[in-house]
Amino acid sequence: MKEQDQISMDIVNPKAAGIDIGSRSHFVAVGQKEEHVREFGVYNEDLKAISNWLKENDIQTVAMESTGTYWQALYAVLLSDGFQVILCNGKFTKNIKGRKTDVQDSQWIQKLHSIGLLSGSFLPDLQTEQLRTYCRHRANLIDVAADTSKKMQNTFVYSIFVWM
């Protein structure tokens, strides 16, 4: 393959950042060089520091990988500060095989987002989220009631045989 035959990808989101979400720290990349990546904690003041650092670097759009529930607080802070935030499924952001680090993950997410290859996951509105919560709670209550009823029936049947 000749050097002139290489395929390049156009940058769709020039002011994009990528965030690798973790339980103990978040790695934020605003570019592909090492000095463009910073590690932040997970507490409220750290989340505000992330937002401020993104503003200092003139970032407008942010992509983050959804893992567990650790993304929710940062997502809310970034949205309230006016960023366009895309929550991505982890299977779409997984890097190629080999040894990887959190720094490399954040840079990979930033690169994919800057060239427009990431799409956001479905996030329901507040009413839909409340309805889902109520439905899940109701289903759990029904399961607990059924289990309790089954235990009572088993205990009753066992006590009949013991007294006979």
C-alpha atoms as a PDB file:
ATOM      1  CA  MET A   1       0.000   0.000   0.000  1.00  0.00           C
ATOM      2  CA  LYS A   2       1.392   3.366  -0.976  1.00  0.00           C
ATOM      3  CA  GLU A   3       1.489   6.240   1.501  1.00  0.00           C
ATOM      4  CA  GLN A   4      -0.833   8.298  -0.694  1.00  0.00           C
ATOM      5  CA  ASP A   5      -3.446   5.489  -0.669  1.00  0.00           C
ATOM      6  CA  GLN A   6      -4.100   5.764   3.081  1.00  0.00           C
ATOM      7  CA  ILE A   7      -7.640   6.457   4.180  1.00  0.00           C
ATOM      8  CA  SER A   8      -8.189   9.381   6.515  1.00  0.00           C
ATOM      9  CA  MET A   9     -11.227  10.096   8.639  1.00  0.00           C
ATOM     10  CA  ASP A  10     -12.603  13.623   8.739  1.00  0.00           C
ATOM     11  CA  ILE A  11     -13.141  15.228  12.109  1.00  0.00           C
ATOM     12  CA  VAL A  12     -16.855  15.767  12.661  1.00  0.00           C
ATOM     13  CA  ASN A  13     -16.683  17.019  16.260  1.00  0.00           C
ATOM     14  CA  PRO A  14     -13.530  19.157  16.591  1.00  0.00           C
ATOM     15  CA  LYS A  15     -14.366  20.234  20.144  1.00  0.00           C
ATOM     16  CA  ALA A  16     -14.957  16.734  21.528  1.00  0.00           C
ATOM     17  CA  ALA A  17     -13.803  15.004  24.689  1.00  0.00           C
ATOM     18  CA  GLY A  18     -13.826  11.368  25.759  1.00  0.00           C
ATOM     19  CA  ILE A  19     -14.278  10.145  29.313  1.00  0.00           C
ATOM     20  CA  ASP A  20     -13.449   6.720  30.682  1.00  0.00           C
ATOM     21  CA  ILE A  21     -15.737   6.319  33.696  1.00  0.00           C
ATOM     22  CA  GLY A  22     -14.490   4.374  36.685  1.00  0.00           C
ATOM     23  CA  SER A  23     -15.589   3.679  40.241  1.00  0.00           C
ATOM     24  CA  ARG A  24     -12.555   5.417  41.781  1.00  0.00           C
ATOM     25  CA  SER A  25     -11.569   7.920  39.108  1.00  0.00           C
ATOM     26  CA  HIS A  26     -12.543   9.308  35.714  1.00  0.00           C
ATOM     27  CA  PHE A  27     -10.014   9.824  32.916  1.00  0.00           C
ATOM     28  CA  VAL A  28     -10.830  12.728  30.616  1.00  0.00           C
ATOM     29  CA  ALA A  29      -9.202  13.197  27.205  1.00  0.00           C
ATOM     30  CA  VAL A  30      -9.537  16.419  25.212  1.00  0.00           C
ATOM     31  CA  GLY A  31      -6.944  15.339  22.636  1.00  0.00           C
ATOM     32  CA  GLN A  32      -4.596  12.542  21.667  1.00  0.00           C
ATOM     33  CA  LYS A  33      -1.422  13.659  23.435  1.00  0.00           C
ATOM     34  CA  GLU A  34      -0.547  12.667  27.002  1.00  0.00           C
ATOM     35  CA  GLU A  35      -0.867  16.254  28.237  1.00  0.00           C
ATOM     36  CA  HIS A  36      -4.446  16.248  26.920  1.00  0.00           C
ATOM     37  CA  VAL A  37      -5.540  13.581  29.433  1.00  0.00           C
ATOM     38  CA  ARG A  38      -6.262  14.162  33.117  1.00  0.00           C
ATOM     39  CA  GLU A  39      -7.431  11.952  35.937  1.00  0.00           C
ATOM     40  CA  PHE A  40     -10.180  13.204  38.242  1.00  0.00           C
ATOM     41  CA  GLY A  41     -11.864  11.799  41.324  1.00  0.00           C
ATOM     42  CA  VAL A  42     -15.517  10.852  41.599  1.00  0.00           C
ATOM     43  CA  TYR A  43     -16.828  13.298  44.208  1.00  0.00           C
ATOM     44  CA  ASN A  44     -18.959  16.374  43.482  1.00  0.00           C
ATOM     45  CA  GLU A  45     -16.040  18.810  43.577  1.00  0.00           C
ATOM     46  CA  ASP A  46     -14.148  16.514  41.166  1.00  0.00           C
ATOM     47  CA  LEU A  47     -17.100  16.439  38.764  1.00  0.00           C
ATOM     48  CA  LYS A  48     -17.232  20.242  38.786  1.00  0.00           C
ATOM     49  CA  ALA A  49     -13.472  20.271  38.176  1.00  0.00           C
ATOM     50  CA  ILE A  50     -14.013  18.072  35.112  1.00  0.00           C
ATOM     51  CA  SER A  51     -16.636  20.485  33.806  1.00  0.00           C
ATOM     52  CA  ASN A  52     -14.368  23.493  34.417  1.00  0.00           C
ATOM     53  CA  TRP A  53     -11.411  21.803  32.692  1.00  0.00           C
ATOM     54  CA  LEU A  54     -13.598  20.973  29.686  1.00  0.00           C
ATOM     55  CA  LYS A  55     -14.717  24.618  29.502  1.00  0.00           C
ATOM     56  CA  GLU A  56     -11.090  25.797  29.712  1.00  0.00           C
ATOM     57  CA  ASN A  57     -10.318  23.565  26.711  1.00  0.00           C
ATOM     58  CA  ASP A  58     -13.318  24.898  24.738  1.00  0.00           C
ATOM     59  CA  ILE A  59     -15.025  21.489  24.626  1.00  0.00           C
ATOM     60  CA  GLN A  60     -18.638  21.415  23.448  1.00  0.00           C
ATOM     61  CA  THR A  61     -19.471  17.734  23.202  1.00  0.00           C
ATOM     62  CA  VAL A  62     -18.507  14.828  25.448  1.00  0.00           C
ATOM     63  CA  ALA A  63     -18.732  11.066  24.960  1.00  0.00           C
ATOM     64  CA  MET A  64     -18.544   8.726  27.925  1.00  0.00           C
ATOM     65  CA  GLU A  65     -18.717   4.986  28.235  1.00  0.00           C
ATOM     66  CA  SER A  66     -21.601   3.741  30.363  1.00  0.00           C
ATOM     67  CA  THR A  67     -20.491   1.381  33.086  1.00  0.00           C
ATOM     68  CA  GLY A  68     -22.769   0.591  35.984  1.00  0.00           C
ATOM     69  CA  THR A  69     -24.240   3.684  37.591  1.00  0.00           C
ATOM     70  CA  TYR A  70     -21.003   5.638  37.964  1.00  0.00           C
ATOM     71  CA  TRP A  71     -21.793   7.810  34.931  1.00  0.00           C
ATOM     72  CA  GLN A  72     -25.045   9.282  36.284  1.00  0.00           C
ATOM     73  CA  ALA A  73     -23.675  12.029  38.541  1.00  0.00           C
ATOM     74  CA  LEU A  74     -21.144  13.232  35.963  1.00  0.00           C
ATOM     75  CA  TYR A  75     -23.785  13.104  33.232  1.00  0.00           C
ATOM     76  CA  ALA A  76     -26.078  15.374  35.279  1.00  0.00           C
ATOM     77  CA  VAL A  77     -23.278  17.865  36.034  1.00  0.00           C
ATOM     78  CA  LEU A  78     -22.158  18.089  32.400  1.00  0.00           C
ATOM     79  CA  LEU A  79     -25.712  18.483  31.098  1.00  0.00           C
ATOM     80  CA  SER A  80     -26.468  21.243  33.606  1.00  0.00           C
ATOM     81  CA  ASP A  81     -23.283  23.041  32.526  1.00  0.00           C
ATOM     82  CA  GLY A  82     -24.410  23.090  28.890  1.00  0.00           C
ATOM     83  CA  PHE A  83     -22.377  20.295  27.303  1.00  0.00           C
ATOM     84  CA  GLN A  84     -23.766  17.948  24.703  1.00  0.00           C
ATOM     85  CA  VAL A  85     -23.263  14.552  26.365  1.00  0.00           C
ATOM     86  CA  ILE A  86     -23.380  11.210  24.609  1.00  0.00           C
ATOM     87  CA  LEU A  87     -23.580   8.078  26.721  1.00  0.00           C
ATOM     88  CA  CYS A  88     -22.162   5.146  24.772  1.00  0.00           C
ATOM     89  CA  ASN A  89     -22.475   1.426  25.205  1.00  0.00           C
ATOM     90  CA  GLY A  90     -19.172  -0.156  26.218  1.00  0.00           C
ATOM     91  CA  LYS A  91     -19.222  -2.685  23.380  1.00  0.00           C
ATOM     92  CA  PHE A  92     -19.026   0.150  20.839  1.00  0.00           C
ATOM     93  CA  THR A  93     -16.016   1.787  22.487  1.00  0.00           C
ATOM     94  CA  LYS A  94     -13.852  -1.259  23.157  1.00  0.00           C
ATOM     95  CA  ASN A  95     -10.392  -0.792  21.773  1.00  0.00           C
ATOM     96  CA  ILE A  96      -8.449  -3.303  19.721  1.00  0.00           C
ATOM     97  CA  LYS A  97      -6.761  -6.213  21.449  1.00  0.00           C
ATOM     98  CA  GLY A  98      -3.670  -5.669  23.503  1.00  0.00           C
ATOM     99  CA  ARG A  99      -2.639  -4.008  26.688  1.00  0.00           C
ATOM    100  CA  LYS A 100      -4.765  -0.961  27.395  1.00  0.00           C
ATOM    101  CA  THR A 101      -4.916   1.651  30.085  1.00  0.00           C
ATOM    102  CA  ASP A 102      -7.558   4.092  31.282  1.00  0.00           C
ATOM    103  CA  VAL A 103      -5.627   6.878  29.551  1.00  0.00           C
ATOM    104  CA  GLN A 104      -5.705   4.981  26.255  1.00  0.00           C
ATOM    105  CA  ASP A 105      -9.416   4.223  26.714  1.00  0.00           C
ATOM    106  CA  SER A 106     -10.280   7.887  27.213  1.00  0.00           C
ATOM    107  CA  GLN A 107      -8.203   8.851  24.157  1.00  0.00           C
ATOM    108  CA  TRP A 108      -9.886   6.136  22.097  1.00  0.00           C
ATOM    109  CA  ILE A 109     -13.351   7.361  23.122  1.00  0.00           C
ATOM    110  CA  GLN A 110     -12.307  10.936  22.285  1.00  0.00           C
ATOM    111  CA  LYS A 111     -10.986   9.856  18.876  1.00  0.00           C
ATOM    112  CA  LEU A 112     -14.118   7.875  17.992  1.00  0.00           C
ATOM    113  CA  HIS A 113     -16.336  10.743  19.096  1.00  0.00           C
ATOM    114  CA  SER A 114     -14.337  13.388  17.230  1.00  0.00           C
ATOM    115  CA  ILE A 115     -14.692  11.488  13.940  1.00  0.00           C
ATOM    116  CA  GLY A 116     -18.391  10.841  14.566  1.00  0.00           C
ATOM    117  CA  LEU A 117     -18.370   7.088  15.079  1.00  0.00           C
ATOM    118  CA  LEU A 118     -20.232   6.992  18.405  1.00  0.00           C
ATOM    119  CA  SER A 119     -23.955   7.072  18.926  1.00  0.00           C
ATOM    120  CA  GLY A 120     -25.709   7.634  22.206  1.00  0.00           C
ATOM    121  CA  SER A 121     -27.609   5.035  24.196  1.00  0.00           C
ATOM    122  CA  PHE A 122     -31.315   5.410  24.845  1.00  0.00           C
ATOM    123  CA  LEU A 123     -31.971   7.451  27.975  1.00  0.00           C
ATOM    124  CA  PRO A 124     -35.634   7.723  28.949  1.00  0.00           C
ATOM    125  CA  ASP A 125     -37.202  11.000  29.998  1.00  0.00           C
ATOM    126  CA  LEU A 126     -38.075  11.610  33.660  1.00  0.00           C
ATOM    127  CA  GLN A 127     -41.660  10.328  33.434  1.00  0.00           C
ATOM    128  CA  THR A 128     -40.635   7.135  31.662  1.00  0.00           C
ATOM    129  CA  GLU A 129     -37.852   6.549  34.191  1.00  0.00           C
ATOM    130  CA  GLN A 130     -40.306   6.983  37.080  1.00  0.00           C
ATOM    131  CA  LEU A 131     -42.767   4.575  35.463  1.00  0.00           C
ATOM    132  CA  ARG A 132     -39.995   2.001  34.954  1.00  0.00           C
ATOM    133  CA  THR A 133     -38.991   2.367  38.602  1.00  0.00           C
ATOM    134  CA  TYR A 134     -42.579   1.833  39.792  1.00  0.00           C
ATOM    135  CA  CYS A 135     -43.019  -1.188  37.518  1.00  0.00           C
ATOM    136  CA  ARG A 136     -39.780  -2.777  38.724  1.00  0.00           C
ATOM    137  CA  HIS A 137     -40.719  -2.151  42.346  1.00  0.00           C
ATOM    138  CA  ARG A 138     -44.171  -3.677  41.794  1.00  0.00           C
ATOM    139  CA  ALA A 139     -42.648  -6.747  40.128  1.00  0.00           C
ATOM    140  CA  ASN A 140     -40.232  -7.153  43.060  1.00  0.00           C
ATOM    141  CA  LEU A 141     -43.079  -6.886  45.579  1.00  0.00           C
ATOM    142  CA  ILE A 142     -45.054  -9.533  43.685  1.00  0.00           C
ATOM    143  CA  ASP A 143     -42.008 -11.843  43.657  1.00  0.00           C
ATOM    144  CA  VAL A 144     -41.469 -11.402  47.403  1.00  0.00           C
ATOM    145  CA  ALA A 145     -45.167 -12.039  48.096  1.00  0.00           C
ATOM    146  CA  ALA A 146     -45.122 -15.192  45.944  1.00  0.00           C
ATOM    147  CA  ASP A 147     -41.976 -16.479  47.696  1.00  0.00           C
ATOM    148  CA  THR A 148     -43.490 -15.779  51.116  1.00  0.00           C
ATOM    149  CA  SER A 149     -46.744 -17.509  50.170  1.00  0.00           C
ATOM    150  CA  LYS A 150     -44.790 -20.529  48.912  1.00  0.00           C
ATOM    151  CA  LYS A 151     -42.806 -20.716  52.178  1.00  0.00           C
ATOM    152  CA  MET A 152     -46.015 -20.511  54.199  1.00  0.00           C
ATOM    153  CA  GLN A 153     -47.579 -23.317  52.155  1.00  0.00           C
ATOM    154  CA  ASN A 154     -44.486 -25.507  52.546  1.00  0.00           C
ATOM    155  CA  THR A 155     -44.406 -24.852  56.285  1.00  0.00           C
ATOM    156  CA  PHE A 156     -48.110 -25.649  56.571  1.00  0.00           C
ATOM    157  CA  VAL A 157     -47.750 -28.928  54.615  1.00  0.00           C
ATOM    158  CA  TYR A 158     -44.694 -29.904  56.675  1.00  0.00           C
ATOM    159  CA  SER A 159     -46.498 -29.160  59.965  1.00  0.00           C
ATOM    160  CA  ILE A 160     -49.459 -31.361  58.931  1.00  0.00           C
ATOM    161  CA  PHE A 161     -47.149 -34.329  58.375  1.00  0.00           C
ATOM    162  CA  VAL A 162     -45.331 -33.729  61.659  1.00  0.00           C
ATOM    163  CA  TRP A 163     -48.575 -33.757  63.661  1.00  0.00           C
ATOM    164  CA  MET A 164     -49.934 -36.879  61.995  1.00  0.00           C
END
